[in-house]
């Protein structure tokens, strides 16, 4: 299976592109750089893991992607508090990320225990 066929990759890549669009004019370079990097890390690590093909490597890179999702959730909460992110948009992103994180957790378990 190619990573491009995975809903988790498609959804996380779409969210990453949205972050770049939403923050392209933000003058807080540090925040903009950090939140876009966290968002970009999720689909990038999913792709890297699946390109490596071994179940252990897939699980390892999914774990990294899952960590980036937690990082991004934190940055969204901070962005809401700082007034950079509309509360409703931020909550929708957090909901999406929690769903993606649950999907990653399931895939991690599957690739750590391929015989199950």
PDB file of N, CA and C in Angstrom:
ATOM      1  N   UNK A   1       0.844  -1.184   0.000  1.00  0.00           N
ATOM      2  CA  UNK A   1       0.000   0.000   0.000  1.00  0.00           C
ATOM      3  C   UNK A   1       0.889   1.246   0.000  1.00  0.00           C
ATOM      4  N   UNK A   2       0.527   2.212  -0.801  1.00  0.00           N
ATOM      5  CA  UNK A   2       1.248   3.475  -0.855  1.00  0.00           C
ATOM      6  C   UNK A   2       0.691   4.442   0.198  1.00  0.00           C
ATOM      7  N   UNK A   3       1.564   5.262   0.752  1.00  0.00           N
ATOM      8  CA  UNK A   3       1.105   6.236   1.745  1.00  0.00           C
ATOM      9  C   UNK A   3       0.064   7.176   1.157  1.00  0.00           C
ATOM     10  N   UNK A   4       0.140   7.446  -0.156  1.00  0.00           N
ATOM     11  CA  UNK A   4      -0.831   8.355  -0.791  1.00  0.00           C
ATOM     12  C   UNK A   4      -2.253   7.808  -0.783  1.00  0.00           C
ATOM     13  N   UNK A   5      -2.386   6.497  -0.560  1.00  0.00           N
ATOM     14  CA  UNK A   5      -3.708   5.872  -0.509  1.00  0.00           C
ATOM     15  C   UNK A   5      -4.344   5.945   0.878  1.00  0.00           C
ATOM     16  N   UNK A   6      -3.564   6.330   1.877  1.00  0.00           N
ATOM     17  CA  UNK A   6      -4.043   6.347   3.256  1.00  0.00           C
ATOM     18  C   UNK A   6      -4.849   7.605   3.564  1.00  0.00           C
ATOM     19  N   UNK A   7      -6.042   7.422   4.108  1.00  0.00           N
ATOM     20  CA  UNK A   7      -6.851   8.575   4.518  1.00  0.00           C
ATOM     21  C   UNK A   7      -6.113   9.424   5.550  1.00  0.00           C
ATOM     22  N   UNK A   8      -5.391   8.770   6.432  1.00  0.00           N
ATOM     23  CA  UNK A   8      -4.669   9.490   7.482  1.00  0.00           C
ATOM     24  C   UNK A   8      -3.621  10.432   6.872  1.00  0.00           C
ATOM     25  N   UNK A   9      -2.962   9.980   5.810  1.00  0.00           N
ATOM     26  CA  UNK A   9      -1.983  10.830   5.137  1.00  0.00           C
ATOM     27  C   UNK A   9      -2.684  11.975   4.399  1.00  0.00           C
ATOM     28  N   UNK A  10      -3.753  11.666   3.687  1.00  0.00           N
ATOM     29  CA  UNK A  10      -4.489  12.686   2.938  1.00  0.00           C
ATOM     30  C   UNK A  10      -5.009  13.779   3.867  1.00  0.00           C
ATOM     31  N   UNK A  11      -5.623  13.359   4.971  1.00  0.00           N
ATOM     32  CA  UNK A  11      -6.205  14.329   5.909  1.00  0.00           C
ATOM     33  C   UNK A  11      -5.126  15.175   6.584  1.00  0.00           C
ATOM     34  N   UNK A  12      -4.029  14.549   6.977  1.00  0.00           N
ATOM     35  CA  UNK A  12      -2.972  15.314   7.645  1.00  0.00           C
ATOM     36  C   UNK A  12      -2.261  16.238   6.668  1.00  0.00           C
ATOM     37  N   UNK A  13      -2.103  15.824   5.428  1.00  0.00           N
ATOM     38  CA  UNK A  13      -1.493  16.696   4.415  1.00  0.00           C
ATOM     39  C   UNK A  13      -2.393  17.900   4.128  1.00  0.00           C
ATOM     40  N   UNK A  14      -3.692  17.653   4.079  1.00  0.00           N
ATOM     41  CA  UNK A  14      -4.648  18.744   3.848  1.00  0.00           C
ATOM     42  C   UNK A  14      -4.609  19.747   5.007  1.00  0.00           C
ATOM     43  N   UNK A  15      -4.530  19.235   6.246  1.00  0.00           N
ATOM     44  CA  UNK A  15      -4.438  20.119   7.413  1.00  0.00           C
ATOM     45  C   UNK A  15      -3.142  20.918   7.366  1.00  0.00           C
ATOM     46  N   UNK A  16      -2.060  20.281   6.995  1.00  0.00           N
ATOM     47  CA  UNK A  16      -0.783  20.990   6.900  1.00  0.00           C
ATOM     48  C   UNK A  16      -0.867  22.141   5.894  1.00  0.00           C
ATOM     49  N   UNK A  17      -1.446  21.877   4.737  1.00  0.00           N
ATOM     50  CA  UNK A  17      -1.594  22.929   3.726  1.00  0.00           C
ATOM     51  C   UNK A  17      -2.472  24.069   4.253  1.00  0.00           C
ATOM     52  N   UNK A  18      -3.514  23.726   4.986  1.00  0.00           N
ATOM     53  CA  UNK A  18      -4.393  24.736   5.577  1.00  0.00           C
ATOM     54  C   UNK A  18      -3.627  25.625   6.551  1.00  0.00           C
ATOM     55  N   UNK A  19      -2.768  25.014   7.358  1.00  0.00           N
ATOM     56  CA  UNK A  19      -1.962  25.794   8.307  1.00  0.00           C
ATOM     57  C   UNK A  19      -1.069  26.785   7.574  1.00  0.00           C
ATOM     58  N   UNK A  20      -0.429  26.338   6.512  1.00  0.00           N
ATOM     59  CA  UNK A  20       0.413  27.252   5.732  1.00  0.00           C
ATOM     60  C   UNK A  20      -0.414  28.410   5.170  1.00  0.00           C
ATOM     61  N   UNK A  21      -1.599  28.120   4.677  1.00  0.00           N
ATOM     62  CA  UNK A  21      -2.457  29.172   4.133  1.00  0.00           C
ATOM     63  C   UNK A  21      -2.911  30.146   5.216  1.00  0.00           C
ATOM     64  N   UNK A  22      -3.308  29.598   6.357  1.00  0.00           N
ATOM     65  CA  UNK A  22      -3.852  30.435   7.442  1.00  0.00           C
ATOM     66  C   UNK A  22      -2.799  31.354   8.056  1.00  0.00           C
ATOM     67  N   UNK A  23      -1.555  30.911   8.109  1.00  0.00           N
ATOM     68  CA  UNK A  23      -0.537  31.666   8.827  1.00  0.00           C
ATOM     69  C   UNK A  23       0.487  32.345   7.929  1.00  0.00           C
ATOM     70  N   UNK A  24       0.254  32.366   6.623  1.00  0.00           N
ATOM     71  CA  UNK A  24       1.253  32.936   5.710  1.00  0.00           C
ATOM     72  C   UNK A  24       1.546  34.411   5.977  1.00  0.00           C
ATOM     73  N   UNK A  25       0.582  35.142   6.511  1.00  0.00           N
ATOM     74  CA  UNK A  25       0.788  36.567   6.765  1.00  0.00           C
ATOM     75  C   UNK A  25       1.047  36.892   8.236  1.00  0.00           C
ATOM     76  N   UNK A  26       1.116  35.879   9.087  1.00  0.00           N
ATOM     77  CA  UNK A  26       1.350  36.109  10.509  1.00  0.00           C
ATOM     78  C   UNK A  26       2.767  36.639  10.719  1.00  0.00           C
ATOM     79  N   UNK A  27       2.873  37.752  11.421  1.00  0.00           N
ATOM     80  CA  UNK A  27       4.178  38.391  11.643  1.00  0.00           C
ATOM     81  C   UNK A  27       4.968  37.743  12.775  1.00  0.00           C
ATOM     82  N   UNK A  28       4.329  36.922  13.592  1.00  0.00           N
ATOM     83  CA  UNK A  28       5.041  36.209  14.643  1.00  0.00           C
ATOM     84  C   UNK A  28       5.727  35.011  13.978  1.00  0.00           C
ATOM     85  N   UNK A  29       6.941  35.275  13.479  1.00  0.00           N
ATOM     86  CA  UNK A  29       7.669  34.268  12.693  1.00  0.00           C
ATOM     87  C   UNK A  29       7.896  32.985  13.484  1.00  0.00           C
ATOM     88  N   UNK A  30       8.216  33.120  14.764  1.00  0.00           N
ATOM     89  CA  UNK A  30       8.495  31.949  15.589  1.00  0.00           C
ATOM     90  C   UNK A  30       7.286  31.031  15.691  1.00  0.00           C
ATOM     91  N   UNK A  31       6.130  31.620  16.001  1.00  0.00           N
ATOM     92  CA  UNK A  31       4.915  30.815  16.116  1.00  0.00           C
ATOM     93  C   UNK A  31       4.561  30.213  14.764  1.00  0.00           C
ATOM     94  N   UNK A  32       4.610  31.026  13.716  1.00  0.00           N
ATOM     95  CA  UNK A  32       4.260  30.555  12.374  1.00  0.00           C
ATOM     96  C   UNK A  32       5.154  29.390  11.956  1.00  0.00           C
ATOM     97  N   UNK A  33       6.439  29.528  12.206  1.00  0.00           N
ATOM     98  CA  UNK A  33       7.381  28.481  11.825  1.00  0.00           C
ATOM     99  C   UNK A  33       7.107  27.194  12.608  1.00  0.00           C
ATOM    100  N   UNK A  34       6.881  27.333  13.900  1.00  0.00           N
ATOM    101  CA  UNK A  34       6.689  26.146  14.741  1.00  0.00           C
ATOM    102  C   UNK A  34       5.396  25.402  14.404  1.00  0.00           C
ATOM    103  N   UNK A  35       4.304  26.137  14.229  1.00  0.00           N
ATOM    104  CA  UNK A  35       3.019  25.466  13.977  1.00  0.00           C
ATOM    105  C   UNK A  35       2.989  24.839  12.582  1.00  0.00           C
ATOM    106  N   UNK A  36       3.609  25.499  11.594  1.00  0.00           N
ATOM    107  CA  UNK A  36       3.629  24.897  10.263  1.00  0.00           C
ATOM    108  C   UNK A  36       4.569  23.694  10.215  1.00  0.00           C
ATOM    109  N   UNK A  37       5.670  23.749  10.958  1.00  0.00           N
ATOM    110  CA  UNK A  37       6.590  22.597  10.998  1.00  0.00           C
ATOM    111  C   UNK A  37       5.930  21.394  11.674  1.00  0.00           C
ATOM    112  N   UNK A  38       5.217  21.638  12.756  1.00  0.00           N
ATOM    113  CA  UNK A  38       4.518  20.533  13.431  1.00  0.00           C
ATOM    114  C   UNK A  38       3.498  19.901  12.496  1.00  0.00           C
ATOM    115  N   UNK A  39       2.744  20.742  11.810  1.00  0.00           N
ATOM    116  CA  UNK A  39       1.740  20.236  10.874  1.00  0.00           C
ATOM    117  C   UNK A  39       2.369  19.473   9.719  1.00  0.00           C
ATOM    118  N   UNK A  40       3.479  19.970   9.217  1.00  0.00           N
ATOM    119  CA  UNK A  40       4.166  19.325   8.104  1.00  0.00           C
ATOM    120  C   UNK A  40       4.789  17.996   8.520  1.00  0.00           C
ATOM    121  N   UNK A  41       5.191  17.895   9.758  1.00  0.00           N
ATOM    122  CA  UNK A  41       5.839  16.685  10.268  1.00  0.00           C
ATOM    123  C   UNK A  41       4.912  15.472  10.253  1.00  0.00           C
ATOM    124  N   UNK A  42       3.632  15.685  10.431  1.00  0.00           N
ATOM    125  CA  UNK A  42       2.702  14.548  10.533  1.00  0.00           C
ATOM    126  C   UNK A  42       2.637  13.763   9.217  1.00  0.00           C
ATOM    127  N   UNK A  43       2.210  14.372   8.097  1.00  0.00           N
ATOM    128  CA  UNK A  43       2.150  13.572   6.864  1.00  0.00           C
ATOM    129  C   UNK A  43       3.537  13.160   6.372  1.00  0.00           C
ATOM    130  N   UNK A  44       4.546  13.974   6.654  1.00  0.00           N
ATOM    131  CA  UNK A  44       5.902  13.641   6.208  1.00  0.00           C
ATOM    132  C   UNK A  44       6.405  12.369   6.881  1.00  0.00           C
ATOM    133  N   UNK A  45       6.172  12.235   8.174  1.00  0.00           N
ATOM    134  CA  UNK A  45       6.624  11.038   8.880  1.00  0.00           C
ATOM    135  C   UNK A  45       5.786   9.818   8.529  1.00  0.00           C
ATOM    136  N   UNK A  46       4.510  10.012   8.268  1.00  0.00           N
ATOM    137  CA  UNK A  46       3.684   8.895   7.798  1.00  0.00           C
ATOM    138  C   UNK A  46       4.256   8.381   6.471  1.00  0.00           C
ATOM    139  N   UNK A  47       4.542   9.307   5.555  1.00  0.00           N
ATOM    140  CA  UNK A  47       5.095   8.922   4.252  1.00  0.00           C
ATOM    141  C   UNK A  47       6.442   8.225   4.412  1.00  0.00           C
ATOM    142  N   UNK A  48       7.318   8.782   5.229  1.00  0.00           N
ATOM    143  CA  UNK A  48       8.641   8.182   5.398  1.00  0.00           C
ATOM    144  C   UNK A  48       8.544   6.769   5.955  1.00  0.00           C
ATOM    145  N   UNK A  49       7.706   6.571   6.946  1.00  0.00           N
ATOM    146  CA  UNK A  49       7.555   5.234   7.512  1.00  0.00           C
ATOM    147  C   UNK A  49       7.066   4.227   6.493  1.00  0.00           C
ATOM    148  N   UNK A  50       6.057   4.588   5.707  1.00  0.00           N
ATOM    149  CA  UNK A  50       5.513   3.652   4.737  1.00  0.00           C
ATOM    150  C   UNK A  50       6.475   3.404   3.576  1.00  0.00           C
ATOM    151  N   UNK A  51       7.313   4.366   3.275  1.00  0.00           N
ATOM    152  CA  UNK A  51       8.312   4.155   2.230  1.00  0.00           C
ATOM    153  C   UNK A  51       9.411   3.194   2.690  1.00  0.00           C
ATOM    154  N   UNK A  52       9.630   3.091   3.983  1.00  0.00           N
ATOM    155  CA  UNK A  52      10.653   2.183   4.508  1.00  0.00           C
ATOM    156  C   UNK A  52      10.172   0.735   4.520  1.00  0.00           C
ATOM    157  N   UNK A  53       8.890   0.528   4.475  1.00  0.00           N
ATOM    158  CA  UNK A  53       8.233  -0.754   4.246  1.00  0.00           C
ATOM    159  C   UNK A  53       8.255  -1.762   5.391  1.00  0.00           C
ATOM    160  N   UNK A  54       9.201  -1.720   6.304  1.00  0.00           N
ATOM    161  CA  UNK A  54       9.187  -2.727   7.379  1.00  0.00           C
ATOM    162  C   UNK A  54       8.177  -2.315   8.449  1.00  0.00           C
ATOM    163  N   UNK A  55       7.482  -3.280   9.024  1.00  0.00           N
ATOM    164  CA  UNK A  55       6.489  -2.958  10.053  1.00  0.00           C
ATOM    165  C   UNK A  55       7.078  -2.162  11.221  1.00  0.00           C
ATOM    166  N   UNK A  56       8.292  -2.502  11.633  1.00  0.00           N
ATOM    167  CA  UNK A  56       8.918  -1.787  12.751  1.00  0.00           C
ATOM    168  C   UNK A  56       9.184  -0.324  12.399  1.00  0.00           C
ATOM    169  N   UNK A  57       9.646  -0.087  11.177  1.00  0.00           N
ATOM    170  CA  UNK A  57       9.920   1.292  10.749  1.00  0.00           C
ATOM    171  C   UNK A  57       8.622   2.079  10.569  1.00  0.00           C
ATOM    172  N   UNK A  58       7.606   1.439  10.034  1.00  0.00           N
ATOM    173  CA  UNK A  58       6.308   2.102   9.896  1.00  0.00           C
ATOM    174  C   UNK A  58       5.805   2.517  11.278  1.00  0.00           C
ATOM    175  N   UNK A  59       5.865   1.598  12.236  1.00  0.00           N
ATOM    176  CA  UNK A  59       5.405   1.907  13.598  1.00  0.00           C
ATOM    177  C   UNK A  59       6.232   3.035  14.208  1.00  0.00           C
ATOM    178  N   UNK A  60       7.545   3.014  13.994  1.00  0.00           N
ATOM    179  CA  UNK A  60       8.413   4.057  14.561  1.00  0.00           C
ATOM    180  C   UNK A  60       8.060   5.435  14.015  1.00  0.00           C
ATOM    181  N   UNK A  61       7.897   5.543  12.704  1.00  0.00           N
ATOM    182  CA  UNK A  61       7.598   6.846  12.116  1.00  0.00           C
ATOM    183  C   UNK A  61       6.161   7.293  12.399  1.00  0.00           C
ATOM    184  N   UNK A  62       5.246   6.352  12.527  1.00  0.00           N
ATOM    185  CA  UNK A  62       3.886   6.715  12.954  1.00  0.00           C
ATOM    186  C   UNK A  62       3.918   7.267  14.374  1.00  0.00           C
ATOM    187  N   UNK A  63       4.775   6.714  15.216  1.00  0.00           N
ATOM    188  CA  UNK A  63       4.914   7.208  16.589  1.00  0.00           C
ATOM    189  C   UNK A  63       5.445   8.639  16.596  1.00  0.00           C
ATOM    190  N   UNK A  64       6.384   8.920  15.724  1.00  0.00           N
ATOM    191  CA  UNK A  64       6.908  10.292  15.599  1.00  0.00           C
ATOM    192  C   UNK A  64       5.791  11.223  15.116  1.00  0.00           C
ATOM    193  N   UNK A  65       5.034  10.781  14.115  1.00  0.00           N
ATOM    194  CA  UNK A  65       3.925  11.585  13.598  1.00  0.00           C
ATOM    195  C   UNK A  65       2.883  11.846  14.686  1.00  0.00           C
ATOM    196  N   UNK A  66       2.606  10.833  15.499  1.00  0.00           N
ATOM    197  CA  UNK A  66       1.638  10.978  16.588  1.00  0.00           C
ATOM    198  C   UNK A  66       2.127  12.015  17.606  1.00  0.00           C
ATOM    199  N   UNK A  67       3.424  11.986  17.883  1.00  0.00           N
ATOM    200  CA  UNK A  67       3.997  12.994  18.776  1.00  0.00           C
ATOM    201  C   UNK A  67       3.856  14.392  18.206  1.00  0.00           C
ATOM    202  N   UNK A  68       4.047  14.530  16.905  1.00  0.00           N
ATOM    203  CA  UNK A  68       3.876  15.832  16.258  1.00  0.00           C
ATOM    204  C   UNK A  68       2.426  16.299  16.322  1.00  0.00           C
ATOM    205  N   UNK A  69       1.488  15.360  16.284  1.00  0.00           N
ATOM    206  CA  UNK A  69       0.068  15.718  16.419  1.00  0.00           C
ATOM    207  C   UNK A  69      -0.190  16.309  17.805  1.00  0.00           C
ATOM    208  N   UNK A  70       0.404  15.705  18.838  1.00  0.00           N
ATOM    209  CA  UNK A  70       0.261  16.258  20.190  1.00  0.00           C
ATOM    210  C   UNK A  70       0.883  17.633  20.303  1.00  0.00           C
ATOM    211  N   UNK A  71       2.031  17.796  19.674  1.00  0.00           N
ATOM    212  CA  UNK A  71       2.687  19.102  19.651  1.00  0.00           C
ATOM    213  C   UNK A  71       1.800  20.138  18.967  1.00  0.00           C
ATOM    214  N   UNK A  72       1.217  19.760  17.841  1.00  0.00           N
ATOM    215  CA  UNK A  72       0.359  20.674  17.094  1.00  0.00           C
ATOM    216  C   UNK A  72      -0.900  21.039  17.881  1.00  0.00           C
ATOM    217  N   UNK A  73      -1.486  20.085  18.565  1.00  0.00           N
ATOM    218  CA  UNK A  73      -2.659  20.373  19.403  1.00  0.00           C
ATOM    219  C   UNK A  73      -2.291  21.433  20.443  1.00  0.00           C
ATOM    220  N   UNK A  74      -1.148  21.263  21.076  1.00  0.00           N
ATOM    221  CA  UNK A  74      -0.690  22.233  22.077  1.00  0.00           C
ATOM    222  C   UNK A  74      -0.529  23.616  21.461  1.00  0.00           C
ATOM    223  N   UNK A  75       0.074  23.681  20.298  1.00  0.00           N
ATOM    224  CA  UNK A  75       0.281  24.974  19.638  1.00  0.00           C
ATOM    225  C   UNK A  75      -1.040  25.614  19.224  1.00  0.00           C
ATOM    226  N   UNK A  76      -2.003  24.809  18.849  1.00  0.00           N
ATOM    227  CA  UNK A  76      -3.327  25.351  18.513  1.00  0.00           C
ATOM    228  C   UNK A  76      -3.965  25.977  19.747  1.00  0.00           C
ATOM    229  N   UNK A  77      -3.910  25.265  20.883  1.00  0.00           N
ATOM    230  CA  UNK A  77      -4.463  25.838  22.112  1.00  0.00           C
ATOM    231  C   UNK A  77      -3.775  27.155  22.456  1.00  0.00           C
ATOM    232  N   UNK A  78      -2.475  27.206  22.313  1.00  0.00           N
ATOM    233  CA  UNK A  78      -1.738  28.433  22.594  1.00  0.00           C
ATOM    234  C   UNK A  78      -2.111  29.515  21.585  1.00  0.00           C
ATOM    235  N   UNK A  79      -2.259  29.143  20.326  1.00  0.00           N
ATOM    236  CA  UNK A  79      -2.663  30.099  19.288  1.00  0.00           C
ATOM    237  C   UNK A  79      -4.045  30.691  19.547  1.00  0.00           C
ATOM    238  N   UNK A  80      -4.940  29.882  20.072  1.00  0.00           N
ATOM    239  CA  UNK A  80      -6.274  30.383  20.432  1.00  0.00           C
ATOM    240  C   UNK A  80      -6.142  31.424  21.542  1.00  0.00           C
ATOM    241  N   UNK A  81      -5.393  31.064  22.576  1.00  0.00           N
ATOM    242  CA  UNK A  81      -5.209  31.977  23.715  1.00  0.00           C
ATOM    243  C   UNK A  81      -4.494  33.268  23.305  1.00  0.00           C
ATOM    244  N   UNK A  82      -3.572  33.171  22.358  1.00  0.00           N
ATOM    245  CA  UNK A  82      -2.816  34.341  21.910  1.00  0.00           C
ATOM    246  C   UNK A  82      -3.615  35.195  20.920  1.00  0.00           C
ATOM    247  N   UNK A  83      -4.757  34.703  20.474  1.00  0.00           N
ATOM    248  CA  UNK A  83      -5.580  35.450  19.534  1.00  0.00           C
ATOM    249  C   UNK A  83      -5.194  35.252  18.077  1.00  0.00           C
ATOM    250  N   UNK A  84      -4.356  34.258  17.796  1.00  0.00           N
ATOM    251  CA  UNK A  84      -3.946  33.973  16.417  1.00  0.00           C
ATOM    252  C   UNK A  84      -4.921  33.056  15.702  1.00  0.00           C
ATOM    253  N   UNK A  85      -5.687  32.275  16.467  1.00  0.00           N
ATOM    254  CA  UNK A  85      -6.575  31.274  15.883  1.00  0.00           C
ATOM    255  C   UNK A  85      -7.978  31.470  16.444  1.00  0.00           C
ATOM    256  N   UNK A  86      -8.946  31.546  15.545  1.00  0.00           N
ATOM    257  CA  UNK A  86     -10.347  31.605  15.940  1.00  0.00           C
ATOM    258  C   UNK A  86     -10.689  30.349  16.731  1.00  0.00           C
ATOM    259  N   UNK A  87     -11.413  30.513  17.825  1.00  0.00           N
ATOM    260  CA  UNK A  87     -11.712  29.400  18.723  1.00  0.00           C
ATOM    261  C   UNK A  87     -12.425  28.248  18.010  1.00  0.00           C
ATOM    262  N   UNK A  88     -13.406  28.544  17.180  1.00  0.00           N
ATOM    263  CA  UNK A  88     -14.157  27.485  16.484  1.00  0.00           C
ATOM    264  C   UNK A  88     -13.260  26.730  15.503  1.00  0.00           C
ATOM    265  N   UNK A  89     -12.427  27.460  14.784  1.00  0.00           N
ATOM    266  CA  UNK A  89     -11.498  26.818  13.848  1.00  0.00           C
ATOM    267  C   UNK A  89     -10.504  25.964  14.620  1.00  0.00           C
ATOM    268  N   UNK A  90      -9.971  26.508  15.692  1.00  0.00           N
ATOM    269  CA  UNK A  90      -9.019  25.773  16.510  1.00  0.00           C
ATOM    270  C   UNK A  90      -9.604  24.496  17.071  1.00  0.00           C
ATOM    271  N   UNK A  91     -10.831  24.577  17.561  1.00  0.00           N
ATOM    272  CA  UNK A  91     -11.480  23.370  18.105  1.00  0.00           C
ATOM    273  C   UNK A  91     -11.689  22.323  17.020  1.00  0.00           C
ATOM    274  N   UNK A  92     -12.045  22.770  15.812  1.00  0.00           N
ATOM    275  CA  UNK A  92     -12.223  21.826  14.702  1.00  0.00           C
ATOM    276  C   UNK A  92     -10.891  21.151  14.358  1.00  0.00           C
ATOM    277  N   UNK A  93      -9.800  21.919  14.367  1.00  0.00           N
ATOM    278  CA  UNK A  93      -8.479  21.337  14.103  1.00  0.00           C
ATOM    279  C   UNK A  93      -8.094  20.335  15.183  1.00  0.00           C
ATOM    280  N   UNK A  94      -8.377  20.669  16.430  1.00  0.00           N
ATOM    281  CA  UNK A  94      -8.053  19.759  17.539  1.00  0.00           C
ATOM    282  C   UNK A  94      -8.857  18.466  17.396  1.00  0.00           C
ATOM    283  N   UNK A  95     -10.125  18.572  17.059  1.00  0.00           N
ATOM    284  CA  UNK A  95     -10.948  17.380  16.848  1.00  0.00           C
ATOM    285  C   UNK A  95     -10.364  16.517  15.732  1.00  0.00           C
ATOM    286  N   UNK A  96      -9.995  17.149  14.634  1.00  0.00           N
ATOM    287  CA  UNK A  96      -9.385  16.418  13.511  1.00  0.00           C
ATOM    288  C   UNK A  96      -8.095  15.728  13.953  1.00  0.00           C
ATOM    289  N   UNK A  97      -7.265  16.439  14.692  1.00  0.00           N
ATOM    290  CA  UNK A  97      -5.996  15.869  15.144  1.00  0.00           C
ATOM    291  C   UNK A  97      -6.195  14.719  16.121  1.00  0.00           C
ATOM    292  N   UNK A  98      -7.192  14.815  16.974  1.00  0.00           N
ATOM    293  CA  UNK A  98      -7.459  13.712  17.898  1.00  0.00           C
ATOM    294  C   UNK A  98      -7.935  12.478  17.140  1.00  0.00           C
ATOM    295  N   UNK A  99      -8.723  12.675  16.096  1.00  0.00           N
ATOM    296  CA  UNK A  99      -9.133  11.546  15.261  1.00  0.00           C
ATOM    297  C   UNK A  99      -7.929  10.939  14.549  1.00  0.00           C
ATOM    298  N   UNK A 100      -7.072  11.796  14.002  1.00  0.00           N
ATOM    299  CA  UNK A 100      -5.870  11.308  13.326  1.00  0.00           C
ATOM    300  C   UNK A 100      -4.955  10.574  14.298  1.00  0.00           C
ATOM    301  N   UNK A 101      -4.836  11.092  15.497  1.00  0.00           N
ATOM    302  CA  UNK A 101      -3.996  10.463  16.511  1.00  0.00           C
ATOM    303  C   UNK A 101      -4.518   9.068  16.868  1.00  0.00           C
ATOM    304  N   UNK A 102      -5.821   8.941  16.976  1.00  0.00           N
ATOM    305  CA  UNK A 102      -6.418   7.626  17.257  1.00  0.00           C
ATOM    306  C   UNK A 102      -6.164   6.663  16.094  1.00  0.00           C
ATOM    307  N   UNK A 103      -6.245   7.167  14.874  1.00  0.00           N
ATOM    308  CA  UNK A 103      -5.958   6.333  13.708  1.00  0.00           C
ATOM    309  C   UNK A 103      -4.493   5.889  13.717  1.00  0.00           C
ATOM    310  N   UNK A 104      -3.608   6.816  14.070  1.00  0.00           N
ATOM    311  CA  UNK A 104      -2.189   6.468  14.139  1.00  0.00           C
ATOM    312  C   UNK A 104      -1.942   5.410  15.211  1.00  0.00           C
ATOM    313  N   UNK A 105      -2.592   5.562  16.362  1.00  0.00           N
ATOM    314  CA  UNK A 105      -2.426   4.588  17.443  1.00  0.00           C
ATOM    315  C   UNK A 105      -2.834   3.191  16.968  1.00  0.00           C
ATOM    316  N   UNK A 106      -3.913   3.111  16.228  1.00  0.00           N
ATOM    317  CA  UNK A 106      -4.381   1.831  15.706  1.00  0.00           C
ATOM    318  C   UNK A 106      -3.375   1.241  14.718  1.00  0.00           C
ATOM    319  N   UNK A 107      -2.853   2.083  13.835  1.00  0.00           N
ATOM    320  CA  UNK A 107      -1.857   1.607  12.868  1.00  0.00           C
ATOM    321  C   UNK A 107      -0.557   1.198  13.556  1.00  0.00           C
ATOM    322  N   UNK A 108      -0.180   1.928  14.588  1.00  0.00           N
ATOM    323  CA  UNK A 108       1.031   1.578  15.341  1.00  0.00           C
ATOM    324  C   UNK A 108       0.878   0.181  15.932  1.00  0.00           C
ATOM    325  N   UNK A 109      -0.260  -0.064  16.586  1.00  0.00           N
ATOM    326  CA  UNK A 109      -0.508  -1.394  17.161  1.00  0.00           C
ATOM    327  C   UNK A 109      -0.456  -2.475  16.083  1.00  0.00           C
ATOM    328  N   UNK A 110      -1.084  -2.217  14.947  1.00  0.00           N
ATOM    329  CA  UNK A 110      -1.116  -3.181  13.853  1.00  0.00           C
ATOM    330  C   UNK A 110       0.291  -3.508  13.366  1.00  0.00           C
ATOM    331  N   UNK A 111       1.143  -2.504  13.232  1.00  0.00           N
ATOM    332  CA  UNK A 111       2.486  -2.737  12.690  1.00  0.00           C
ATOM    333  C   UNK A 111       3.467  -3.253  13.747  1.00  0.00           C
ATOM    334  N   UNK A 112       3.173  -3.026  14.996  1.00  0.00           N
ATOM    335  CA  UNK A 112       4.016  -3.607  16.050  1.00  0.00           C
ATOM    336  C   UNK A 112       3.700  -5.086  16.252  1.00  0.00           C
ATOM    337  N   UNK A 113       2.467  -5.465  15.938  1.00  0.00           N
ATOM    338  CA  UNK A 113       2.021  -6.856  16.096  1.00  0.00           C
ATOM    339  C   UNK A 113       1.404  -7.329  14.786  1.00  0.00           C
ATOM    340  N   UNK A 114       2.203  -7.472  13.720  1.00  0.00           N
ATOM    341  CA  UNK A 114       1.622  -7.800  12.410  1.00  0.00           C
ATOM    342  C   UNK A 114       0.918  -9.151  12.340  1.00  0.00           C
ATOM    343  N   UNK A 115       1.207 -10.053  13.273  1.00  0.00           N
ATOM    344  CA  UNK A 115       0.557 -11.362  13.251  1.00  0.00           C
ATOM    345  C   UNK A 115      -0.857 -11.324  13.770  1.00  0.00           C
ATOM    346  N   UNK A 116      -1.251 -10.230  14.461  1.00  0.00           N
ATOM    347  CA  UNK A 116      -2.605 -10.128  15.032  1.00  0.00           C
ATOM    348  C   UNK A 116      -3.591  -9.688  13.957  1.00  0.00           C
TER     349      UNK A 116
END
